């Protein structure tokens, strides 16, 4: 059903929906906001990212797990650029960074 709906919208609005979610040869894909996402994105992708704060999905060691790029942003970088995300900021590491 989903594939049919995407095809229908692609026929009406051009193939932008298909392009936005199409996987690239290296296993990555371009998300709807134009950000390359996937396992083969460089580790420092966030240095050039200029979009809104990525949605944090969890904490993994000293990184926030996020919904774009290669899926990780160092906690200190995230807090310094976008602040503490909603629902986070309770770990000792996050508290230490936010006091700086």
PDB file of N, CA and C in Angstrom:
ATOM      1  N   UNK A   1       0.818  -1.197   0.000  1.00  0.00           N
ATOM      2  CA  UNK A   1       0.000   0.000   0.000  1.00  0.00           C
ATOM      3  C   UNK A   1       0.858   1.255   0.000  1.00  0.00           C
ATOM      4  N   UNK A   2       1.898   1.256   0.853  1.00  0.00           N
ATOM      5  CA  UNK A   2       2.773   2.418   0.936  1.00  0.00           C
ATOM      6  C   UNK A   2       3.461   2.678  -0.397  1.00  0.00           C
ATOM      7  N   UNK A   3       3.963   1.612  -1.027  1.00  0.00           N
ATOM      8  CA  UNK A   3       4.653   1.766  -2.300  1.00  0.00           C
ATOM      9  C   UNK A   3       3.706   2.330  -3.358  1.00  0.00           C
ATOM     10  N   UNK A   4       2.478   1.866  -3.370  1.00  0.00           N
ATOM     11  CA  UNK A   4       1.502   2.375  -4.326  1.00  0.00           C
ATOM     12  C   UNK A   4       1.256   3.859  -4.091  1.00  0.00           C
ATOM     13  N   UNK A   5       1.105   4.244  -2.824  1.00  0.00           N
ATOM     14  CA  UNK A   5       0.861   5.645  -2.474  1.00  0.00           C
ATOM     15  C   UNK A   5       2.045   6.523  -2.877  1.00  0.00           C
ATOM     16  N   UNK A   6       3.278   6.059  -2.613  1.00  0.00           N
ATOM     17  CA  UNK A   6       4.465   6.823  -3.008  1.00  0.00           C
ATOM     18  C   UNK A   6       4.525   6.971  -4.522  1.00  0.00           C
ATOM     19  N   UNK A   7       4.203   5.913  -5.244  1.00  0.00           N
ATOM     20  CA  UNK A   7       4.202   5.974  -6.697  1.00  0.00           C
ATOM     21  C   UNK A   7       3.139   6.953  -7.192  1.00  0.00           C
ATOM     22  N   UNK A   8       1.974   6.921  -6.569  1.00  0.00           N
ATOM     23  CA  UNK A   8       0.897   7.840  -6.927  1.00  0.00           C
ATOM     24  C   UNK A   8       1.331   9.292  -6.747  1.00  0.00           C
ATOM     25  N   UNK A   9       1.925   9.597  -5.579  1.00  0.00           N
ATOM     26  CA  UNK A   9       2.392  10.968  -5.323  1.00  0.00           C
ATOM     27  C   UNK A   9       3.523  11.358  -6.262  1.00  0.00           C
ATOM     28  N   UNK A  10       4.383  10.403  -6.593  1.00  0.00           N
ATOM     29  CA  UNK A  10       5.470  10.693  -7.524  1.00  0.00           C
ATOM     30  C   UNK A  10       4.930  11.058  -8.900  1.00  0.00           C
ATOM     31  N   UNK A  11       3.877  10.374  -9.318  1.00  0.00           N
ATOM     32  CA  UNK A  11       3.276  10.692 -10.616  1.00  0.00           C
ATOM     33  C   UNK A  11       2.621  12.065 -10.607  1.00  0.00           C
ATOM     34  N   UNK A  12       2.065  12.469  -9.484  1.00  0.00           N
ATOM     35  CA  UNK A  12       1.406  13.771  -9.394  1.00  0.00           C
ATOM     36  C   UNK A  12       2.410  14.901  -9.244  1.00  0.00           C
ATOM     37  N   UNK A  13       3.369  14.733  -8.333  1.00  0.00           N
ATOM     38  CA  UNK A  13       4.283  15.819  -7.981  1.00  0.00           C
ATOM     39  C   UNK A  13       5.679  15.659  -8.567  1.00  0.00           C
ATOM     40  N   UNK A  14       5.851  14.776  -9.496  1.00  0.00           N
ATOM     41  CA  UNK A  14       7.190  14.477  -9.993  1.00  0.00           C
ATOM     42  C   UNK A  14       7.775  13.373  -9.135  1.00  0.00           C
ATOM     43  N   UNK A  15       9.013  13.059  -9.353  1.00  0.00           N
ATOM     44  CA  UNK A  15       9.584  11.951  -8.596  1.00  0.00           C
ATOM     45  C   UNK A  15      10.400  12.410  -7.395  1.00  0.00           C
ATOM     46  N   UNK A  16      10.091  13.561  -6.807  1.00  0.00           N
ATOM     47  CA  UNK A  16      10.856  14.052  -5.663  1.00  0.00           C
ATOM     48  C   UNK A  16      10.745  13.128  -4.469  1.00  0.00           C
ATOM     49  N   UNK A  17       9.590  12.528  -4.238  1.00  0.00           N
ATOM     50  CA  UNK A  17       9.451  11.606  -3.108  1.00  0.00           C
ATOM     51  C   UNK A  17      10.373  10.412  -3.289  1.00  0.00           C
ATOM     52  N   UNK A  18      10.449   9.904  -4.491  1.00  0.00           N
ATOM     53  CA  UNK A  18      11.316   8.760  -4.764  1.00  0.00           C
ATOM     54  C   UNK A  18      12.785   9.150  -4.587  1.00  0.00           C
ATOM     55  N   UNK A  19      13.160  10.316  -5.063  1.00  0.00           N
ATOM     56  CA  UNK A  19      14.539  10.781  -4.938  1.00  0.00           C
ATOM     57  C   UNK A  19      14.914  10.963  -3.471  1.00  0.00           C
ATOM     58  N   UNK A  20      14.013  11.499  -2.675  1.00  0.00           N
ATOM     59  CA  UNK A  20      14.317  11.784  -1.282  1.00  0.00           C
ATOM     60  C   UNK A  20      14.572  10.555  -0.446  1.00  0.00           C
ATOM     61  N   UNK A  21      13.976   9.447  -0.755  1.00  0.00           N
ATOM     62  CA  UNK A  21      14.170   8.252   0.051  1.00  0.00           C
ATOM     63  C   UNK A  21      14.960   7.166  -0.680  1.00  0.00           C
ATOM     64  N   UNK A  22      15.401   7.467  -1.888  1.00  0.00           N
ATOM     65  CA  UNK A  22      16.115   6.484  -2.684  1.00  0.00           C
ATOM     66  C   UNK A  22      17.486   6.187  -2.075  1.00  0.00           C
ATOM     67  N   UNK A  23      17.817   4.928  -1.979  1.00  0.00           N
ATOM     68  CA  UNK A  23      19.120   4.546  -1.448  1.00  0.00           C
ATOM     69  C   UNK A  23      20.188   4.767  -2.505  1.00  0.00           C
ATOM     70  N   UNK A  24      21.336   5.219  -2.033  1.00  0.00           N
ATOM     71  CA  UNK A  24      22.474   5.381  -2.915  1.00  0.00           C
ATOM     72  C   UNK A  24      23.231   4.062  -2.973  1.00  0.00           C
ATOM     73  N   UNK A  25      24.168   3.953  -3.887  1.00  0.00           N
ATOM     74  CA  UNK A  25      24.928   2.713  -4.062  1.00  0.00           C
ATOM     75  C   UNK A  25      25.730   2.323  -2.831  1.00  0.00           C
ATOM     76  N   UNK A  26      26.117   3.284  -2.001  1.00  0.00           N
ATOM     77  CA  UNK A  26      26.952   2.975  -0.839  1.00  0.00           C
ATOM     78  C   UNK A  26      26.136   2.633   0.405  1.00  0.00           C
ATOM     79  N   UNK A  27      24.833   2.465   0.273  1.00  0.00           N
ATOM     80  CA  UNK A  27      23.989   2.111   1.410  1.00  0.00           C
ATOM     81  C   UNK A  27      23.396   3.309   2.118  1.00  0.00           C
ATOM     82  N   UNK A  28      23.789   4.503   1.743  1.00  0.00           N
ATOM     83  CA  UNK A  28      23.234   5.716   2.340  1.00  0.00           C
ATOM     84  C   UNK A  28      22.026   6.171   1.543  1.00  0.00           C
ATOM     85  N   UNK A  29      21.290   7.119   2.081  1.00  0.00           N
ATOM     86  CA  UNK A  29      20.161   7.692   1.383  1.00  0.00           C
ATOM     87  C   UNK A  29      20.085   9.164   1.709  1.00  0.00           C
ATOM     88  N   UNK A  30      19.365   9.879   0.885  1.00  0.00           N
ATOM     89  CA  UNK A  30      19.142  11.302   1.110  1.00  0.00           C
ATOM     90  C   UNK A  30      17.766  11.431   1.732  1.00  0.00           C
ATOM     91  N   UNK A  31      17.723  11.981   2.941  1.00  0.00           N
ATOM     92  CA  UNK A  31      16.456  12.149   3.647  1.00  0.00           C
ATOM     93  C   UNK A  31      15.658  13.292   3.071  1.00  0.00           C
ATOM     94  N   UNK A  32      14.440  13.497   3.542  1.00  0.00           N
ATOM     95  CA  UNK A  32      13.579  14.541   3.019  1.00  0.00           C
ATOM     96  C   UNK A  32      14.132  15.946   3.214  1.00  0.00           C
ATOM     97  N   UNK A  33      15.040  16.128   4.191  1.00  0.00           N
ATOM     98  CA  UNK A  33      15.632  17.447   4.405  1.00  0.00           C
ATOM     99  C   UNK A  33      16.923  17.627   3.619  1.00  0.00           C
ATOM    100  N   UNK A  34      17.272  16.665   2.747  1.00  0.00           N
ATOM    101  CA  UNK A  34      18.448  16.777   1.900  1.00  0.00           C
ATOM    102  C   UNK A  34      19.742  16.337   2.553  1.00  0.00           C
ATOM    103  N   UNK A  35      19.682  15.787   3.754  1.00  0.00           N
ATOM    104  CA  UNK A  35      20.881  15.345   4.469  1.00  0.00           C
ATOM    105  C   UNK A  35      21.166  13.880   4.151  1.00  0.00           C
ATOM    106  N   UNK A  36      22.401  13.611   3.740  1.00  0.00           N
ATOM    107  CA  UNK A  36      22.782  12.226   3.499  1.00  0.00           C
ATOM    108  C   UNK A  36      22.804  11.490   4.832  1.00  0.00           C
ATOM    109  N   UNK A  37      22.185  10.340   4.868  1.00  0.00           N
ATOM    110  CA  UNK A  37      22.042   9.564   6.092  1.00  0.00           C
ATOM    111  C   UNK A  37      22.356   8.113   5.800  1.00  0.00           C
ATOM    112  N   UNK A  38      22.948   7.435   6.764  1.00  0.00           N
ATOM    113  CA  UNK A  38      23.216   6.021   6.611  1.00  0.00           C
ATOM    114  C   UNK A  38      24.534   5.613   7.228  1.00  0.00           C
ATOM    115  N   UNK A  39      24.847   4.340   7.117  1.00  0.00           N
ATOM    116  CA  UNK A  39      26.023   3.796   7.792  1.00  0.00           C
ATOM    117  C   UNK A  39      27.358   4.253   7.208  1.00  0.00           C
ATOM    118  N   UNK A  40      27.375   4.746   5.995  1.00  0.00           N
ATOM    119  CA  UNK A  40      28.632   5.122   5.351  1.00  0.00           C
ATOM    120  C   UNK A  40      28.854   6.629   5.280  1.00  0.00           C
ATOM    121  N   UNK A  41      28.160   7.386   6.111  1.00  0.00           N
ATOM    122  CA  UNK A  41      28.372   8.831   6.188  1.00  0.00           C
ATOM    123  C   UNK A  41      29.602   9.062   7.058  1.00  0.00           C
ATOM    124  N   UNK A  42      30.397  10.067   6.731  1.00  0.00           N
ATOM    125  CA  UNK A  42      31.614  10.317   7.504  1.00  0.00           C
ATOM    126  C   UNK A  42      31.291  10.602   8.966  1.00  0.00           C
ATOM    127  N   UNK A  43      32.245  10.320   9.841  1.00  0.00           N
ATOM    128  CA  UNK A  43      32.019  10.477  11.271  1.00  0.00           C
ATOM    129  C   UNK A  43      31.841  11.936  11.695  1.00  0.00           C
ATOM    130  N   UNK A  44      32.360  12.871  10.935  1.00  0.00           N
ATOM    131  CA  UNK A  44      32.250  14.284  11.312  1.00  0.00           C
ATOM    132  C   UNK A  44      31.230  15.046  10.461  1.00  0.00           C
ATOM    133  N   UNK A  45      30.214  14.365  10.002  1.00  0.00           N
ATOM    134  CA  UNK A  45      29.185  14.957   9.145  1.00  0.00           C
ATOM    135  C   UNK A  45      28.525  16.162   9.795  1.00  0.00           C
ATOM    136  N   UNK A  46      28.401  16.162  11.106  1.00  0.00           N
ATOM    137  CA  UNK A  46      27.699  17.204  11.844  1.00  0.00           C
ATOM    138  C   UNK A  46      28.424  18.548  11.809  1.00  0.00           C
ATOM    139  N   UNK A  47      29.716  18.563  11.466  1.00  0.00           N
ATOM    140  CA  UNK A  47      30.466  19.819  11.424  1.00  0.00           C
ATOM    141  C   UNK A  47      29.965  20.758  10.335  1.00  0.00           C
ATOM    142  N   UNK A  48      29.432  20.202   9.259  1.00  0.00           N
ATOM    143  CA  UNK A  48      28.932  21.030   8.164  1.00  0.00           C
ATOM    144  C   UNK A  48      27.405  21.071   8.114  1.00  0.00           C
ATOM    145  N   UNK A  49      26.746  20.365   9.022  1.00  0.00           N
ATOM    146  CA  UNK A  49      25.285  20.324   9.048  1.00  0.00           C
ATOM    147  C   UNK A  49      24.747  21.651   9.552  1.00  0.00           C
ATOM    148  N   UNK A  50      23.840  22.261   8.807  1.00  0.00           N
ATOM    149  CA  UNK A  50      23.291  23.568   9.166  1.00  0.00           C
ATOM    150  C   UNK A  50      21.789  23.533   9.414  1.00  0.00           C
ATOM    151  N   UNK A  51      21.214  22.358   9.521  1.00  0.00           N
ATOM    152  CA  UNK A  51      19.777  22.236   9.714  1.00  0.00           C
ATOM    153  C   UNK A  51      19.369  22.391  11.167  1.00  0.00           C
ATOM    154  N   UNK A  52      18.114  22.100  11.427  1.00  0.00           N
ATOM    155  CA  UNK A  52      17.619  22.176  12.816  1.00  0.00           C
ATOM    156  C   UNK A  52      18.251  21.078  13.663  1.00  0.00           C
ATOM    157  N   UNK A  53      18.108  21.199  14.955  1.00  0.00           N
ATOM    158  CA  UNK A  53      18.682  20.205  15.870  1.00  0.00           C
ATOM    159  C   UNK A  53      18.156  18.822  15.523  1.00  0.00           C
ATOM    160  N   UNK A  54      19.053  17.866  15.299  1.00  0.00           N
ATOM    161  CA  UNK A  54      18.606  16.494  15.029  1.00  0.00           C
ATOM    162  C   UNK A  54      17.870  15.923  16.241  1.00  0.00           C
ATOM    163  N   UNK A  55      16.930  15.047  15.983  1.00  0.00           N
ATOM    164  CA  UNK A  55      16.169  14.411  17.063  1.00  0.00           C
ATOM    165  C   UNK A  55      17.055  13.385  17.742  1.00  0.00           C
ATOM    166  N   UNK A  56      17.178  13.503  19.063  1.00  0.00           N
ATOM    167  CA  UNK A  56      18.002  12.579  19.836  1.00  0.00           C
ATOM    168  C   UNK A  56      17.166  11.356  20.176  1.00  0.00           C
ATOM    169  N   UNK A  57      17.730  10.184  19.895  1.00  0.00           N
ATOM    170  CA  UNK A  57      17.033   8.924  20.127  1.00  0.00           C
ATOM    171  C   UNK A  57      17.631   8.123  21.272  1.00  0.00           C
ATOM    172  N   UNK A  58      18.805   8.540  21.769  1.00  0.00           N
ATOM    173  CA  UNK A  58      19.433   7.822  22.868  1.00  0.00           C
ATOM    174  C   UNK A  58      20.826   8.341  23.127  1.00  0.00           C
ATOM    175  N   UNK A  59      21.448   7.816  24.189  1.00  0.00           N
ATOM    176  CA  UNK A  59      22.820   8.170  24.536  1.00  0.00           C
ATOM    177  C   UNK A  59      23.666   6.912  24.402  1.00  0.00           C
ATOM    178  N   UNK A  60      24.785   7.048  23.684  1.00  0.00           N
ATOM    179  CA  UNK A  60      25.701   5.946  23.470  1.00  0.00           C
ATOM    180  C   UNK A  60      27.104   6.436  23.805  1.00  0.00           C
ATOM    181  N   UNK A  61      27.572   6.072  24.995  1.00  0.00           N
ATOM    182  CA  UNK A  61      28.845   6.522  25.535  1.00  0.00           C
ATOM    183  C   UNK A  61      28.845   8.050  25.579  1.00  0.00           C
ATOM    184  N   UNK A  62      29.705   8.710  24.811  1.00  0.00           N
ATOM    185  CA  UNK A  62      29.752  10.174  24.842  1.00  0.00           C
ATOM    186  C   UNK A  62      29.118  10.794  23.605  1.00  0.00           C
ATOM    187  N   UNK A  63      28.158  10.075  23.009  1.00  0.00           N
ATOM    188  CA  UNK A  63      27.454  10.556  21.826  1.00  0.00           C
ATOM    189  C   UNK A  63      25.951  10.485  22.031  1.00  0.00           C
ATOM    190  N   UNK A  64      25.254  11.427  21.391  1.00  0.00           N
ATOM    191  CA  UNK A  64      23.809  11.295  21.256  1.00  0.00           C
ATOM    192  C   UNK A  64      23.552  10.501  19.985  1.00  0.00           C
ATOM    193  N   UNK A  65      22.674   9.542  20.058  1.00  0.00           N
ATOM    194  CA  UNK A  65      22.214   8.845  18.863  1.00  0.00           C
ATOM    195  C   UNK A  65      21.129   9.699  18.242  1.00  0.00           C
ATOM    196  N   UNK A  66      21.295  10.084  16.977  1.00  0.00           N
ATOM    197  CA  UNK A  66      20.365  10.995  16.320  1.00  0.00           C
ATOM    198  C   UNK A  66      19.769  10.362  15.068  1.00  0.00           C
ATOM    199  N   UNK A  67      18.808  11.049  14.500  1.00  0.00           N
ATOM    200  CA  UNK A  67      18.027  10.513  13.380  1.00  0.00           C
ATOM    201  C   UNK A  67      18.580  10.846  12.001  1.00  0.00           C
ATOM    202  N   UNK A  68      19.787  11.337  11.889  1.00  0.00           N
ATOM    203  CA  UNK A  68      20.356  11.650  10.573  1.00  0.00           C
ATOM    204  C   UNK A  68      21.868  11.526  10.584  1.00  0.00           C
ATOM    205  N   UNK A  69      22.470  11.759   9.423  1.00  0.00           N
ATOM    206  CA  UNK A  69      23.916  11.593   9.299  1.00  0.00           C
ATOM    207  C   UNK A  69      24.291  10.141   9.523  1.00  0.00           C
ATOM    208  N   UNK A  70      25.367   9.906  10.272  1.00  0.00           N
ATOM    209  CA  UNK A  70      25.740   8.524  10.584  1.00  0.00           C
ATOM    210  C   UNK A  70      25.101   8.068  11.886  1.00  0.00           C
ATOM    211  N   UNK A  71      24.239   8.903  12.458  1.00  0.00           N
ATOM    212  CA  UNK A  71      23.489   8.516  13.647  1.00  0.00           C
ATOM    213  C   UNK A  71      24.116   8.897  14.962  1.00  0.00           C
ATOM    214  N   UNK A  72      25.230   9.641  14.938  1.00  0.00           N
ATOM    215  CA  UNK A  72      25.886  10.008  16.192  1.00  0.00           C
ATOM    216  C   UNK A  72      26.451  11.422  16.129  1.00  0.00           C
ATOM    217  N   UNK A  73      26.291  12.137  17.239  1.00  0.00           N
ATOM    218  CA  UNK A  73      26.898  13.460  17.417  1.00  0.00           C
ATOM    219  C   UNK A  73      27.462  13.484  18.833  1.00  0.00           C
ATOM    220  N   UNK A  74      28.733  13.922  19.002  1.00  0.00           N
ATOM    221  CA  UNK A  74      29.259  14.033  20.356  1.00  0.00           C
ATOM    222  C   UNK A  74      28.361  14.929  21.219  1.00  0.00           C
ATOM    223  N   UNK A  75      28.123  14.487  22.438  1.00  0.00           N
ATOM    224  CA  UNK A  75      27.223  15.214  23.333  1.00  0.00           C
ATOM    225  C   UNK A  75      27.688  16.652  23.529  1.00  0.00           C
ATOM    226  N   UNK A  76      28.987  16.856  23.717  1.00  0.00           N
ATOM    227  CA  UNK A  76      29.465  18.223  23.956  1.00  0.00           C
ATOM    228  C   UNK A  76      29.212  19.126  22.751  1.00  0.00           C
ATOM    229  N   UNK A  77      29.393  18.608  21.533  1.00  0.00           N
ATOM    230  CA  UNK A  77      29.126  19.401  20.334  1.00  0.00           C
ATOM    231  C   UNK A  77      27.647  19.747  20.243  1.00  0.00           C
ATOM    232  N   UNK A  78      26.784  18.761  20.467  1.00  0.00           N
ATOM    233  CA  UNK A  78      25.336  18.962  20.369  1.00  0.00           C
ATOM    234  C   UNK A  78      24.877  20.027  21.362  1.00  0.00           C
ATOM    235  N   UNK A  79      25.292  19.901  22.622  1.00  0.00           N
ATOM    236  CA  UNK A  79      24.856  20.849  23.652  1.00  0.00           C
ATOM    237  C   UNK A  79      25.366  22.248  23.350  1.00  0.00           C
ATOM    238  N   UNK A  80      26.613  22.376  22.893  1.00  0.00           N
ATOM    239  CA  UNK A  80      27.156  23.698  22.579  1.00  0.00           C
ATOM    240  C   UNK A  80      26.469  24.347  21.388  1.00  0.00           C
ATOM    241  N   UNK A  81      26.001  23.556  20.438  1.00  0.00           N
ATOM    242  CA  UNK A  81      25.364  24.116  19.237  1.00  0.00           C
ATOM    243  C   UNK A  81      23.859  24.301  19.395  1.00  0.00           C
ATOM    244  N   UNK A  82      23.164  23.305  19.981  1.00  0.00           N
ATOM    245  CA  UNK A  82      21.702  23.346  20.030  1.00  0.00           C
ATOM    246  C   UNK A  82      21.130  23.348  21.447  1.00  0.00           C
ATOM    247  N   UNK A  83      21.963  23.168  22.451  1.00  0.00           N
ATOM    248  CA  UNK A  83      21.459  23.085  23.817  1.00  0.00           C
ATOM    249  C   UNK A  83      21.085  21.654  24.176  1.00  0.00           C
ATOM    250  N   UNK A  84      20.602  21.486  25.387  1.00  0.00           N
ATOM    251  CA  UNK A  84      20.218  20.160  25.858  1.00  0.00           C
ATOM    252  C   UNK A  84      18.882  19.775  25.229  1.00  0.00           C
ATOM    253  N   UNK A  85      18.818  18.610  24.591  1.00  0.00           N
ATOM    254  CA  UNK A  85      17.555  18.197  23.961  1.00  0.00           C
ATOM    255  C   UNK A  85      16.501  17.845  25.007  1.00  0.00           C
ATOM    256  N   UNK A  86      15.241  18.006  24.632  1.00  0.00           N
ATOM    257  CA  UNK A  86      14.130  17.665  25.525  1.00  0.00           C
ATOM    258  C   UNK A  86      14.242  16.222  25.997  1.00  0.00           C
ATOM    259  N   UNK A  87      14.075  16.036  27.294  1.00  0.00           N
ATOM    260  CA  UNK A  87      14.109  14.699  27.861  1.00  0.00           C
ATOM    261  C   UNK A  87      15.502  14.210  28.206  1.00  0.00           C
ATOM    262  N   UNK A  88      16.514  15.021  28.001  1.00  0.00           N
ATOM    263  CA  UNK A  88      17.892  14.632  28.286  1.00  0.00           C
ATOM    264  C   UNK A  88      18.516  15.677  29.203  1.00  0.00           C
ATOM    265  N   UNK A  89      19.772  15.472  29.557  1.00  0.00           N
ATOM    266  CA  UNK A  89      20.488  16.405  30.422  1.00  0.00           C
ATOM    267  C   UNK A  89      20.639  15.909  31.841  1.00  0.00           C
ATOM    268  N   UNK A  90      20.259  14.665  32.109  1.00  0.00           N
ATOM    269  CA  UNK A  90      20.290  14.136  33.468  1.00  0.00           C
ATOM    270  C   UNK A  90      21.578  13.404  33.828  1.00  0.00           C
ATOM    271  N   UNK A  91      22.390  13.032  32.835  1.00  0.00           N
ATOM    272  CA  UNK A  91      23.613  12.300  33.165  1.00  0.00           C
ATOM    273  C   UNK A  91      24.666  13.259  33.704  1.00  0.00           C
ATOM    274  N   UNK A  92      25.603  12.741  34.473  1.00  0.00           N
ATOM    275  CA  UNK A  92      26.676  13.568  35.022  1.00  0.00           C
ATOM    276  C   UNK A  92      27.474  14.221  33.901  1.00  0.00           C
ATOM    277  N   UNK A  93      27.720  13.491  32.826  1.00  0.00           N
ATOM    278  CA  UNK A  93      28.477  14.027  31.697  1.00  0.00           C
ATOM    279  C   UNK A  93      27.751  15.218  31.067  1.00  0.00           C
ATOM    280  N   UNK A  94      26.452  15.107  30.858  1.00  0.00           N
ATOM    281  CA  UNK A  94      25.672  16.206  30.289  1.00  0.00           C
ATOM    282  C   UNK A  94      25.658  17.412  31.213  1.00  0.00           C
ATOM    283  N   UNK A  95      25.518  17.167  32.508  1.00  0.00           N
ATOM    284  CA  UNK A  95      25.501  18.273  33.484  1.00  0.00           C
ATOM    285  C   UNK A  95      26.849  19.001  33.500  1.00  0.00           C
ATOM    286  N   UNK A  96      27.933  18.239  33.406  1.00  0.00           N
ATOM    287  CA  UNK A  96      29.263  18.840  33.390  1.00  0.00           C
ATOM    288  C   UNK A  96      29.423  19.743  32.159  1.00  0.00           C
ATOM    289  N   UNK A  97      28.985  19.270  31.007  1.00  0.00           N
ATOM    290  CA  UNK A  97      29.106  20.052  29.764  1.00  0.00           C
ATOM    291  C   UNK A  97      28.244  21.302  29.833  1.00  0.00           C
ATOM    292  N   UNK A  98      27.036  21.191  30.332  1.00  0.00           N
ATOM    293  CA  UNK A  98      26.136  22.349  30.363  1.00  0.00           C
ATOM    294  C   UNK A  98      26.606  23.426  31.347  1.00  0.00           C
ATOM    295  N   UNK A  99      27.468  23.073  32.305  1.00  0.00           N
ATOM    296  CA  UNK A  99      28.000  24.077  33.234  1.00  0.00           C
ATOM    297  C   UNK A  99      29.123  24.884  32.621  1.00  0.00           C
ATOM    298  N   UNK A 100      29.713  24.428  31.549  1.00  0.00           N
ATOM    299  CA  UNK A 100      30.836  25.141  30.921  1.00  0.00           C
ATOM    300  C   UNK A 100      30.393  26.401  30.264  1.00  0.00           C
TER     301      UNK A 100
END
